[in-house]
C-alpha atoms as a PDB file:
ATOM      1  CA  MET A   1      -8.537   1.736 -25.564  1.00  0.00           C
ATOM      2  CA  ASP A   2      -8.855   3.582 -22.656  1.00  0.00           C
ATOM      3  CA  VAL A   3      -7.823   2.687 -19.528  1.00  0.00           C
ATOM      4  CA  THR A   4     -10.449   1.025 -17.052  1.00  0.00           C
ATOM      5  CA  LEU A   5     -11.062   1.283 -13.665  1.00  0.00           C
ATOM      6  CA  THR A   6     -11.114  -2.527 -13.230  1.00  0.00           C
ATOM      7  CA  GLN A   7      -7.224  -2.334 -14.930  1.00  0.00           C
ATOM      8  CA  LEU A   8      -6.248  -0.008 -12.414  1.00  0.00           C
ATOM      9  CA  ARG A   9      -7.880  -1.920  -9.165  1.00  0.00           C
ATOM     10  CA  TYR A  10      -6.148  -5.144 -10.577  1.00  0.00           C
ATOM     11  CA  PHE A  11      -2.854  -3.466 -11.072  1.00  0.00           C
ATOM     12  CA  VAL A  12      -2.736  -1.817  -7.127  1.00  0.00           C
ATOM     13  CA  GLU A  13      -3.867  -5.372  -6.213  1.00  0.00           C
ATOM     14  CA  ALA A  14      -1.021  -7.264  -7.973  1.00  0.00           C
ATOM     15  CA  ALA A  15       1.473  -4.757  -6.952  1.00  0.00           C
ATOM     16  CA  GLY A  16       0.076  -5.286  -3.435  1.00  0.00           C
ATOM     17  CA  GLN A  17       0.945  -9.016  -3.101  1.00  0.00           C
ATOM     18  CA  LEU A  18       3.163  -8.891  -5.576  1.00  0.00           C
ATOM     19  CA  SER A  19       1.197 -11.953  -6.981  1.00  0.00           C
ATOM     20  CA  MET A  20      -1.210 -12.564  -9.549  1.00  0.00           C
ATOM     21  CA  THR A  21      -2.531 -15.231  -7.709  1.00  0.00           C
ATOM     22  CA  GLY A  22      -2.570 -13.735  -4.456  1.00  0.00           C
ATOM     23  CA  ALA A  23      -4.405 -10.497  -6.112  1.00  0.00           C
ATOM     24  CA  ALA A  24      -6.694 -12.962  -7.881  1.00  0.00           C
ATOM     25  CA  GLY A  25      -7.865 -14.575  -4.601  1.00  0.00           C
ATOM     26  CA  ARG A  26      -8.375 -11.061  -2.735  1.00  0.00           C
ATOM     27  CA  LEU A  27     -10.458 -10.066  -5.611  1.00  0.00           C
ATOM     28  CA  ASN A  28     -12.362 -13.039  -6.082  1.00  0.00           C
ATOM     29  CA  VAL A  29     -11.523 -13.410 -10.005  1.00  0.00           C
ATOM     30  CA  ALA A  30      -9.582 -15.372 -11.889  1.00  0.00           C
ATOM     31  CA  GLN A  31      -5.881 -15.389 -12.101  1.00  0.00           C
ATOM     32  CA  SER A  32      -5.778 -14.962 -15.768  1.00  0.00           C
ATOM     33  CA  ALA A  33      -8.293 -12.046 -15.494  1.00  0.00           C
ATOM     34  CA  VAL A  34      -5.466 -10.525 -13.337  1.00  0.00           C
ATOM     35  CA  SER A  35      -2.949 -11.105 -15.884  1.00  0.00           C
ATOM     36  CA  ALA A  36      -4.734  -9.979 -18.842  1.00  0.00           C
ATOM     37  CA  ALA A  37      -5.875  -6.619 -17.050  1.00  0.00           C
ATOM     38  CA  VAL A  38      -2.584  -5.702 -16.140  1.00  0.00           C
ATOM     39  CA  SER A  39      -1.000  -6.957 -19.736  1.00  0.00           C
ATOM     40  CA  GLN A  40      -3.220  -4.724 -21.212  1.00  0.00           C
ATOM     41  CA  LEU A  41      -2.820  -2.029 -18.910  1.00  0.00           C
ATOM     42  CA  GLU A  42       1.203  -2.128 -19.338  1.00  0.00           C
ATOM     43  CA  ARG A  43       0.869  -2.137 -23.288  1.00  0.00           C
ATOM     44  CA  HIS A  44      -1.674   0.650 -23.275  1.00  0.00           C
ATOM     45  CA  ILE A  45       0.913   2.568 -21.452  1.00  0.00           C
ATOM     46  CA  GLY A  46       3.654   1.578 -23.134  1.00  0.00           C
ATOM     47  CA  SER A  47       5.613   0.410 -19.985  1.00  0.00           C
ATOM     48  CA  GLN A  48       6.634  -2.508 -18.000  1.00  0.00           C
ATOM     49  CA  PHE A  49       5.213  -2.479 -14.496  1.00  0.00           C
ATOM     50  CA  PHE A  50       6.586  -5.800 -13.209  1.00  0.00           C
ATOM     51  CA  ILE A  51       9.236  -8.336 -13.607  1.00  0.00           C
ATOM     52  CA  ARG A  52       7.979 -11.529 -13.708  1.00  0.00           C
ATOM     53  CA  GLN A  53       9.339 -14.454 -12.000  1.00  0.00           C
ATOM     54  CA  ARG A  54       8.500 -17.843 -12.371  1.00  0.00           C
ATOM     55  CA  SER A  55       7.443 -19.257  -9.102  1.00  0.00           C
ATOM     56  CA  LYS A  56       8.780 -16.133  -7.206  1.00  0.00           C
ATOM     57  CA  GLY A  57       6.157 -13.832  -7.759  1.00  0.00           C
ATOM     58  CA  LEU A  58       6.199 -10.385  -9.072  1.00  0.00           C
ATOM     59  CA  VAL A  59       9.006  -7.495  -8.568  1.00  0.00           C
ATOM     60  CA  LEU A  60       7.657  -3.688  -9.262  1.00  0.00           C
ATOM     61  CA  THR A  61      10.092  -2.283 -11.773  1.00  0.00           C
ATOM     62  CA  PRO A  62      11.010   1.856 -11.265  1.00  0.00           C
ATOM     63  CA  ALA A  63       8.028   2.813 -13.671  1.00  0.00           C
ATOM     64  CA  GLY A  64       5.345   0.514 -11.727  1.00  0.00           C
ATOM     65  CA  GLU A  65       6.625   2.060  -8.890  1.00  0.00           C
ATOM     66  CA  LEU A  66       5.750   5.494  -9.555  1.00  0.00           C
ATOM     67  CA  PHE A  67       2.137   4.464 -11.431  1.00  0.00           C
ATOM     68  CA  LEU A  68       1.114   2.226  -8.084  1.00  0.00           C
ATOM     69  CA  ARG A  69       1.113   6.006  -6.202  1.00  0.00           C
ATOM     70  CA  ASP A  70      -0.437   7.865  -9.152  1.00  0.00           C
ATOM     71  CA  ALA A  71      -2.919   4.658  -9.209  1.00  0.00           C
ATOM     72  CA  GLN A  72      -3.920   4.575  -5.758  1.00  0.00           C
ATOM     73  CA  ALA A  73      -4.636   8.317  -5.741  1.00  0.00           C
ATOM     74  CA  VAL A  74      -6.982   7.901  -8.779  1.00  0.00           C
ATOM     75  CA  LEU A  75      -8.987   5.304  -6.833  1.00  0.00           C
ATOM     76  CA  ALA A  76      -9.024   6.783  -3.855  1.00  0.00           C
ATOM     77  CA  HIS A  77     -10.257  10.090  -5.502  1.00  0.00           C
ATOM     78  CA  LEU A  78     -12.843   8.042  -6.948  1.00  0.00           C
ATOM     79  CA  GLU A  79     -13.742   6.603  -3.837  1.00  0.00           C
ATOM     80  CA  GLU A  80     -13.824  10.259  -2.184  1.00  0.00           C
ATOM     81  CA  ALA A  81     -16.364  11.305  -4.650  1.00  0.00           C
ATOM     82  CA  LEU A  82     -18.704   8.437  -4.234  1.00  0.00           C
ATOM     83  CA  ASP A  83     -18.614   8.906  -0.637  1.00  0.00           C
ATOM     84  CA  HIS A  84     -19.707  12.308  -0.788  1.00  0.00           C
ATOM     85  CA  ALA A  85     -22.436  11.552  -3.294  1.00  0.00           C
ATOM     86  CA  ARG A  86     -23.742   9.107  -0.881  1.00  0.00           C
ATOM     87  CA  GLY A  87     -23.584  10.469   2.303  1.00  0.00           C
ATOM     88  CA  GLU A  88     -21.069   9.449   4.995  1.00  0.00           C
ATOM     89  CA  GLN A  89     -24.433   8.672   7.404  1.00  0.00           C
ATOM     90  CA  ARG A  90     -24.256   5.171   5.030  1.00  0.00           C
ATOM     91  CA  SER A  91     -22.524   2.408   6.310  1.00  0.00           C
ATOM     92  CA  VAL A  92     -18.650   2.305   5.119  1.00  0.00           C
ATOM     93  CA  GLU A  93     -17.928  -0.659   2.966  1.00  0.00           C
ATOM     94  CA  GLY A  94     -14.966  -2.400   1.315  1.00  0.00           C
ATOM     95  CA  ARG A  95     -11.595  -3.129   2.626  1.00  0.00           C
ATOM     96  CA  VAL A  96      -9.024  -1.511   4.470  1.00  0.00           C
ATOM     97  CA  ARG A  97      -4.861  -3.183   4.885  1.00  0.00           C
ATOM     98  CA  LEU A  98      -3.254  -2.098   8.496  1.00  0.00           C
ATOM     99  CA  ALA A  99       0.028  -3.086   9.057  1.00  0.00           C
ATOM    100  CA  CYS A 100       0.462  -3.084  12.588  1.00  0.00           C
ATOM    101  CA  PHE A 101       3.479  -2.941  14.686  1.00  0.00           C
ATOM    102  CA  SER A 102       4.046  -6.032  16.956  1.00  0.00           C
ATOM    103  CA  THR A 103       4.118  -5.301  19.924  1.00  0.00           C
ATOM    104  CA  LEU A 104       0.749  -3.260  19.732  1.00  0.00           C
ATOM    105  CA  ALA A 105      -1.132  -6.204  17.872  1.00  0.00           C
ATOM    106  CA  PRO A 106      -2.411  -7.973  20.854  1.00  0.00           C
ATOM    107  CA  PHE A 107      -3.329  -5.142  22.782  1.00  0.00           C
ATOM    108  CA  LEU A 108      -5.563  -2.840  20.293  1.00  0.00           C
ATOM    109  CA  LEU A 109      -6.060  -5.372  17.366  1.00  0.00           C
ATOM    110  CA  PRO A 110      -9.117  -7.661  19.190  1.00  0.00           C
ATOM    111  CA  GLY A 111     -10.945  -4.891  20.504  1.00  0.00           C
ATOM    112  CA  LEU A 112     -10.149  -2.790  17.447  1.00  0.00           C
ATOM    113  CA  LEU A 113     -11.917  -5.779  15.090  1.00  0.00           C
ATOM    114  CA  GLY A 114     -14.826  -6.081  17.221  1.00  0.00           C
ATOM    115  CA  ARG A 115     -15.531  -2.683  17.789  1.00  0.00           C
ATOM    116  CA  LEU A 116     -15.486  -2.422  13.650  1.00  0.00           C
ATOM    117  CA  ARG A 117     -17.375  -5.310  13.599  1.00  0.00           C
ATOM    118  CA  THR A 118     -19.992  -3.490  15.180  1.00  0.00           C
ATOM    119  CA  GLU A 119     -20.114   0.056  13.803  1.00  0.00           C
ATOM    120  CA  HIS A 120     -18.964  -1.388  10.321  1.00  0.00           C
ATOM    121  CA  PRO A 121     -20.113  -4.848   9.708  1.00  0.00           C
ATOM    122  CA  LYS A 122     -19.405  -4.358   5.482  1.00  0.00           C
ATOM    123  CA  LEU A 123     -16.033  -3.044   6.091  1.00  0.00           C
ATOM    124  CA  VAL A 124     -13.185  -5.555   6.084  1.00  0.00           C
ATOM    125  CA  LEU A 125      -9.599  -5.106   8.108  1.00  0.00           C
ATOM    126  CA  ASP A 126      -6.988  -7.069   6.600  1.00  0.00           C
ATOM    127  CA  VAL A 127      -4.487  -6.893   9.306  1.00  0.00           C
ATOM    128  CA  THR A 128      -0.277  -7.774   8.877  1.00  0.00           C
ATOM    129  CA  GLU A 129       1.879  -7.764  11.529  1.00  0.00           C
ATOM    130  CA  ALA A 130       5.031  -6.397  11.188  1.00  0.00           C
ATOM    131  CA  ASP A 131       8.494  -4.446  12.921  1.00  0.00           C
ATOM    132  CA  ALA A 132       8.744  -0.987  12.393  1.00  0.00           C
ATOM    133  CA  ALA A 133      10.715  -1.373   9.122  1.00  0.00           C
ATOM    134  CA  GLY A 134       7.749  -3.464   8.019  1.00  0.00           C
ATOM    135  CA  CYS A 135       5.441  -1.113   8.554  1.00  0.00           C
ATOM    136  CA  SER A 136       6.914   1.784   6.682  1.00  0.00           C
ATOM    137  CA  ALA A 137       7.898  -1.338   3.508  1.00  0.00           C
ATOM    138  CA  ALA A 138       4.168  -2.227   3.795  1.00  0.00           C
ATOM    139  CA  LEU A 139       2.968   1.485   3.170  1.00  0.00           C
ATOM    140  CA  LEU A 140       5.584   2.246   0.553  1.00  0.00           C
ATOM    141  CA  SER A 141       5.342  -0.564  -1.276  1.00  0.00           C
ATOM    142  CA  GLY A 142       1.005  -0.251  -1.197  1.00  0.00           C
ATOM    143  CA  GLN A 143       0.564  -3.562   0.567  1.00  0.00           C
ATOM    144  CA  ALA A 144      -1.076  -1.733   3.620  1.00  0.00           C
ATOM    145  CA  ASP A 145      -3.130   1.378   3.438  1.00  0.00           C
ATOM    146  CA  LEU A 146      -2.581   2.688   6.927  1.00  0.00           C
ATOM    147  CA  ALA A 147       0.002   1.764   9.393  1.00  0.00           C
ATOM    148  CA  LEU A 148      -0.504   1.383  13.355  1.00  0.00           C
ATOM    149  CA  CYS A 149       2.728   1.630  14.974  1.00  0.00           C
ATOM    150  CA  TYR A 150       5.458   3.500  16.739  1.00  0.00           C
ATOM    151  CA  ASP A 151       7.228   6.637  15.710  1.00  0.00           C
ATOM    152  CA  LEU A 152      10.175   5.166  15.264  1.00  0.00           C
ATOM    153  CA  GLY A 153      12.421   5.723  12.106  1.00  0.00           C
ATOM    154  CA  LEU A 154       9.412   6.406   9.790  1.00  0.00           C
ATOM    155  CA  PRO A 155      10.718   7.657   6.473  1.00  0.00           C
ATOM    156  CA  ASP A 156       9.770  11.163   5.221  1.00  0.00           C
ATOM    157  CA  GLY A 157       7.343   9.974   2.603  1.00  0.00           C
ATOM    158  CA  LEU A 158       4.515   9.090   5.134  1.00  0.00           C
ATOM    159  CA  ALA A 159       2.425  11.093   7.498  1.00  0.00           C
ATOM    160  CA  VAL A 160       1.603  10.695  11.062  1.00  0.00           C
ATOM    161  CA  THR A 161      -1.131  11.219  13.279  1.00  0.00           C
ATOM    162  CA  ALA A 162      -0.687  10.489  17.059  1.00  0.00           C
ATOM    163  CA  VAL A 163      -2.997   8.112  18.969  1.00  0.00           C
ATOM    164  CA  ASP A 164      -1.543   7.296  22.179  1.00  0.00           C
ATOM    165  CA  ALA A 165       1.731   7.990  24.363  1.00  0.00           C
ATOM    166  CA  ALA A 166       3.358   5.713  26.570  1.00  0.00           C
ATOM    167  CA  ARG A 167       6.302   6.411  29.062  1.00  0.00           C
ATOM    168  CA  PRO A 168       8.414   3.614  29.170  1.00  0.00           C
ATOM    169  CA  TYR A 169       8.749   1.678  32.776  1.00  0.00           C
ATOM    170  CA  VAL A 170      11.191  -0.924  34.332  1.00  0.00           C
ATOM    171  CA  ALA A 171      10.119  -4.506  34.289  1.00  0.00           C
ATOM    172  CA  LEU A 172      11.743  -6.747  36.986  1.00  0.00           C
ATOM    173  CA  PRO A 173      11.340  -9.823  38.757  1.00  0.00           C
ATOM    174  CA  PRO A 174       8.600 -10.222  41.398  1.00  0.00           C
ATOM    175  CA  LYS A 175      11.771 -10.930  43.999  1.00  0.00           C
ATOM    176  CA  HIS A 176      14.071  -8.122  43.295  1.00  0.00           C
ATOM    177  CA  PRO A 177      14.792  -5.892  46.041  1.00  0.00           C
ATOM    178  CA  LEU A 178      13.288  -2.870  43.990  1.00  0.00           C
ATOM    179  CA  ALA A 179      10.333  -4.441  42.709  1.00  0.00           C
ATOM    180  CA  GLY A 180       7.981  -3.475  45.633  1.00  0.00           C
ATOM    181  CA  ARG A 181       9.300   0.321  44.880  1.00  0.00           C
ATOM    182  CA  PRO A 182       6.820   2.741  42.900  1.00  0.00           C
ATOM    183  CA  GLN A 183       9.615   3.635  41.279  1.00  0.00           C
ATOM    184  CA  VAL A 184      13.450   3.497  40.602  1.00  0.00           C
ATOM    185  CA  ALA A 185      16.022   5.538  38.770  1.00  0.00           C
ATOM    186  CA  LEU A 186      17.949   3.705  36.188  1.00  0.00           C
ATOM    187  CA  ALA A 187      21.204   4.112  37.798  1.00  0.00           C
ATOM    188  CA  GLU A 188      19.923   1.794  40.633  1.00  0.00           C
ATOM    189  CA  LEU A 189      20.319  -0.914  37.963  1.00  0.00           C
ATOM    190  CA  ARG A 190      23.625  -0.232  37.017  1.00  0.00           C
ATOM    191  CA  ASP A 191      25.795  -3.509  36.427  1.00  0.00           C
ATOM    192  CA  GLU A 192      22.416  -5.829  36.465  1.00  0.00           C
ATOM    193  CA  PRO A 193      21.979  -7.778  33.804  1.00  0.00           C
ATOM    194  CA  PHE A 194      19.603  -6.703  31.115  1.00  0.00           C
ATOM    195  CA  VAL A 195      16.840  -8.233  28.858  1.00  0.00           C
ATOM    196  CA  LEU A 196      16.774  -6.513  25.658  1.00  0.00           C
ATOM    197  CA  LEU A 197      13.607  -6.358  23.081  1.00  0.00           C
ATOM    198  CA  ASP A 198      15.950  -7.188  19.868  1.00  0.00           C
ATOM    199  CA  LEU A 199      13.558  -5.272  17.433  1.00  0.00           C
ATOM    200  CA  PRO A 200      14.832  -2.443  14.775  1.00  0.00           C
ATOM    201  CA  HIS A 201      14.535   0.768  15.822  1.00  0.00           C
ATOM    202  CA  THR A 202      13.045  -0.478  19.420  1.00  0.00           C
ATOM    203  CA  ARG A 203      16.528  -2.047  20.395  1.00  0.00           C
ATOM    204  CA  GLU A 204      18.191   1.241  19.676  1.00  0.00           C
ATOM    205  CA  LEU A 205      15.546   3.395  21.779  1.00  0.00           C
ATOM    206  CA  MET A 206      15.905   1.035  24.551  1.00  0.00           C
ATOM    207  CA  LEU A 207      19.739   1.313  24.768  1.00  0.00           C
ATOM    208  CA  SER A 208      19.686   5.087  24.309  1.00  0.00           C
ATOM    209  CA  ILE A 209      17.426   5.647  27.682  1.00  0.00           C
ATOM    210  CA  LEU A 210      19.807   3.533  29.495  1.00  0.00           C
ATOM    211  CA  ARG A 211      23.038   5.226  28.081  1.00  0.00           C
ATOM    212  CA  GLY A 212      20.729   8.569  28.762  1.00  0.00           C
ATOM    213  CA  ALA A 213      20.905   7.700  32.397  1.00  0.00           C
ATOM    214  CA  GLY A 214      24.475   7.212  32.439  1.00  0.00           C
ATOM    215  CA  VAL A 215      23.904   3.287  32.334  1.00  0.00           C
ATOM    216  CA  GLU A 216      25.487   1.059  30.073  1.00  0.00           C
ATOM    217  CA  PRO A 217      23.432  -1.960  29.788  1.00  0.00           C
ATOM    218  CA  ASP A 218      24.981  -5.610  30.631  1.00  0.00           C
ATOM    219  CA  VAL A 219      22.709  -7.156  27.433  1.00  0.00           C
ATOM    220  CA  ARG A 220      22.900 -10.810  28.717  1.00  0.00           C
ATOM    221  CA  PHE A 221      19.586 -11.529  26.675  1.00  0.00           C
ATOM    222  CA  ARG A 222      17.424 -10.211  23.939  1.00  0.00           C
ATOM    223  CA  SER A 223      14.701 -11.361  21.936  1.00  0.00           C
ATOM    224  CA  ALA A 224      12.313  -9.900  19.419  1.00  0.00           C
ATOM    225  CA  SER A 225       9.358 -11.095  21.656  1.00  0.00           C
ATOM    226  CA  TYR A 226       7.715  -9.242  23.849  1.00  0.00           C
ATOM    227  CA  GLU A 227       6.433 -11.901  25.986  1.00  0.00           C
ATOM    228  CA  THR A 228       9.617 -13.693  25.933  1.00  0.00           C
ATOM    229  CA  VAL A 229      11.289 -10.741  27.235  1.00  0.00           C
ATOM    230  CA  ARG A 230       8.760 -10.576  29.813  1.00  0.00           C
ATOM    231  CA  THR A 231       9.049 -14.353  30.742  1.00  0.00           C
ATOM    232  CA  PHE A 232      12.722 -14.056  30.751  1.00  0.00           C
ATOM    233  CA  VAL A 233      12.670 -11.287  33.675  1.00  0.00           C
ATOM    234  CA  ALA A 234       9.826 -13.161  35.679  1.00  0.00           C
ATOM    235  CA  ASN A 235      12.727 -15.965  35.912  1.00  0.00           C
ATOM    236  CA  GLY A 236      15.004 -13.740  37.311  1.00  0.00           C
ATOM    237  CA  HIS A 237      17.381 -13.663  34.311  1.00  0.00           C
ATOM    238  CA  GLY A 238      17.478  -9.549  34.461  1.00  0.00           C
ATOM    239  CA  TYR A 239      15.686  -6.787  34.094  1.00  0.00           C
ATOM    240  CA  SER A 240      13.886  -4.863  30.909  1.00  0.00           C
ATOM    241  CA  ILE A 241      12.674  -1.840  29.826  1.00  0.00           C
ATOM    242  CA  LEU A 242       9.200  -1.783  28.352  1.00  0.00           C
ATOM    243  CA  HIS A 243       6.273   0.589  27.101  1.00  0.00           C
ATOM    244  CA  GLN A 244       2.778  -1.499  26.642  1.00  0.00           C
ATOM    245  CA  ARG A 245       2.153  -2.850  29.986  1.00  0.00           C
ATOM    246  CA  PRO A 246      -0.897  -5.429  30.465  1.00  0.00           C
ATOM    247  CA  GLN A 247      -3.750  -5.467  32.644  1.00  0.00           C
ATOM    248  CA  HIS A 248      -1.725  -8.008  34.830  1.00  0.00           C
ATOM    249  CA  GLY A 249       1.815  -9.094  35.383  1.00  0.00           C
ATOM    250  CA  LEU A 250       1.175 -12.672  34.523  1.00  0.00           C
ATOM    251  CA  THR A 251       3.822 -14.344  31.627  1.00  0.00           C
ATOM    252  CA  TYR A 252       3.188 -17.408  29.463  1.00  0.00           C
ATOM    253  CA  ASP A 253       4.697 -19.862  32.178  1.00  0.00           C
ATOM    254  CA  GLY A 254       2.708 -18.376  35.230  1.00  0.00           C
ATOM    255  CA  GLY A 255       5.175 -16.403  36.558  1.00  0.00           C
ATOM    256  CA  HIS A 256       5.029 -12.542  37.552  1.00  0.00           C
ATOM    257  CA  VAL A 257       6.560  -9.285  36.450  1.00  0.00           C
ATOM    258  CA  ALA A 258       7.061  -6.323  38.292  1.00  0.00           C
ATOM    259  CA  ALA A 259       6.339  -3.047  36.731  1.00  0.00           C
ATOM    260  CA  VAL A 260       8.087   0.121  38.362  1.00  0.00           C
ATOM    261  CA  ALA A 261       7.857   3.476  37.434  1.00  0.00           C
ATOM    262  CA  ILE A 262      11.330   5.118  36.048  1.00  0.00           C
ATOM    263  CA  THR A 263      11.985   9.078  37.948  1.00  0.00           C
ATOM    264  CA  ASP A 264      14.614   9.346  35.141  1.00  0.00           C
ATOM    265  CA  ASN A 265      13.445  12.198  32.455  1.00  0.00           C
ATOM    266  CA  VAL A 266      12.798   9.792  29.745  1.00  0.00           C
ATOM    267  CA  PRO A 267      11.150  10.385  26.505  1.00  0.00           C
ATOM    268  CA  GLU A 268       7.645   8.834  25.477  1.00  0.00           C
ATOM    269  CA  LEU A 269       6.938   7.094  22.825  1.00  0.00           C
ATOM    270  CA  ARG A 270       4.052   7.736  20.581  1.00  0.00           C
ATOM    271  CA  THR A 271       1.631   5.123  18.865  1.00  0.00           C
ATOM    272  CA  VAL A 272       0.457   6.905  15.343  1.00  0.00           C
ATOM    273  CA  LEU A 273      -1.571   6.141  12.642  1.00  0.00           C
ATOM    274  CA  ALA A 274       1.142   6.099   9.284  1.00  0.00           C
ATOM    275  CA  HIS A 275      -0.017   6.670   5.724  1.00  0.00           C
ATOM    276  CA  LEU A 276       1.347   7.843   2.572  1.00  0.00           C
ATOM    277  CA  ARG A 277       1.689  11.761   2.398  1.00  0.00           C
ATOM    278  CA  SER A 278       0.004  11.417  -1.204  1.00  0.00           C
ATOM    279  CA  GLN A 279      -3.037   8.927  -0.061  1.00  0.00           C
ATOM    280  CA  ARG A 280      -6.614  10.589   0.302  1.00  0.00           C
ATOM    281  CA  ALA A 281      -8.651  10.163   3.391  1.00  0.00           C
ATOM    282  CA  THR A 282     -11.352   8.142   2.035  1.00  0.00           C
ATOM    283  CA  ALA A 283     -14.397   7.178   4.162  1.00  0.00           C
ATOM    284  CA  ARG A 284     -12.922   3.912   4.933  1.00  0.00           C
ATOM    285  CA  LEU A 285      -9.862   5.371   6.387  1.00  0.00           C
ATOM    286  CA  ARG A 286     -11.499   7.817   8.476  1.00  0.00           C
ATOM    287  CA  ALA A 287     -13.432   5.090   9.962  1.00  0.00           C
ATOM    288  CA  VAL A 288     -10.696   3.036  11.072  1.00  0.00           C
ATOM    289  CA  ALA A 289      -8.858   6.090  11.990  1.00  0.00           C
ATOM    290  CA  GLN A 290     -12.002   6.933  14.367  1.00  0.00           C
ATOM    291  CA  ALA A 291     -12.077   3.115  15.738  1.00  0.00           C
ATOM    292  CA  VAL A 292      -8.212   3.235  16.572  1.00  0.00           C
ATOM    293  CA  ARG A 293      -9.077   6.352  18.682  1.00  0.00           C
ATOM    294  CA  HIS A 294     -11.736   5.181  20.438  1.00  0.00           C
ATOM    295  CA  GLN A 295     -10.008   1.762  21.153  1.00  0.00           C
ATOM    296  CA  VAL A 296      -6.847   3.494  22.533  1.00  0.00           C
ATOM    297  CA  ALA A 297      -9.536   5.359  24.936  1.00  0.00           C
ATOM    298  CA  ALA A 298     -11.415   2.646  25.995  1.00  0.00           C
ATOM    299  CA  ALA A 299      -8.226   0.627  26.568  1.00  0.00           C
ATOM    300  CA  HIS A 300      -7.083   3.706  28.877  1.00  0.00           C
ATOM    301  CA  ARG A 301     -10.550   3.532  30.407  1.00  0.00           C
ATOM    302  CA  SER A 302      -9.874  -0.336  31.465  1.00  0.00           C
ATOM    303  CA  ALA A 303      -6.195  -0.242  32.814  1.00  0.00           C
END
């Protein structure tokens, strides 16, 4: 019995969901069909790809992790061949799974989804929000095709394309003595309380920016929520360093945050689209990447 494309598709989806039931829901087929296809594939190849944990889902075995990348490459190559045969003037259709860094999501995702709905109505974009480690893990495990994230802590197995770069700024309470200034040196904030955006890799970057300017931060409050950090700042609990700048300074509770440029030589933070190095650039992925670039450009024009 030959390996079928259906078996490969069902296996890849089950690996992405780590659940036969979840894969069946995504594929719109019976759970038994997914289980049978994966079991047949394992018997034919002679390797166990999953450890099946009752009521806990699936765990990929080392053989399964290795085969997953090859199966994804086979399916991507087939899709690329079909794209060439059809001609890319036709509407792009299918599904792309995007992992998006949580603080980027509110700035880019709504416009991106609307743009794709208009330009490629048959293309479905499934979005998962995550931190930097979660975006990398989603790509490496096969749960995402692309990641829209910052260039922070990404492993060597991923390829990245820069789509934007942001210079950090100081977020200050509106009544702070420096809030009305166009720019500020970080040393002027020495000994003041600091509100830290406490996400993996992000926290290290923020602290290194201050220490690079000779300032040892007095971290009084920390939060993994971008908006919580802004609200703390607006209420006078300290200053922060952020990268994404809303089009207005309002916070959830009606407060206001003053955004002040930094005079120090601080590094820009790149926003990138990441994918597995072994992954082929299909028409669907190219369509999403182009839409991301256009949305970033539109966001700059409206800022």
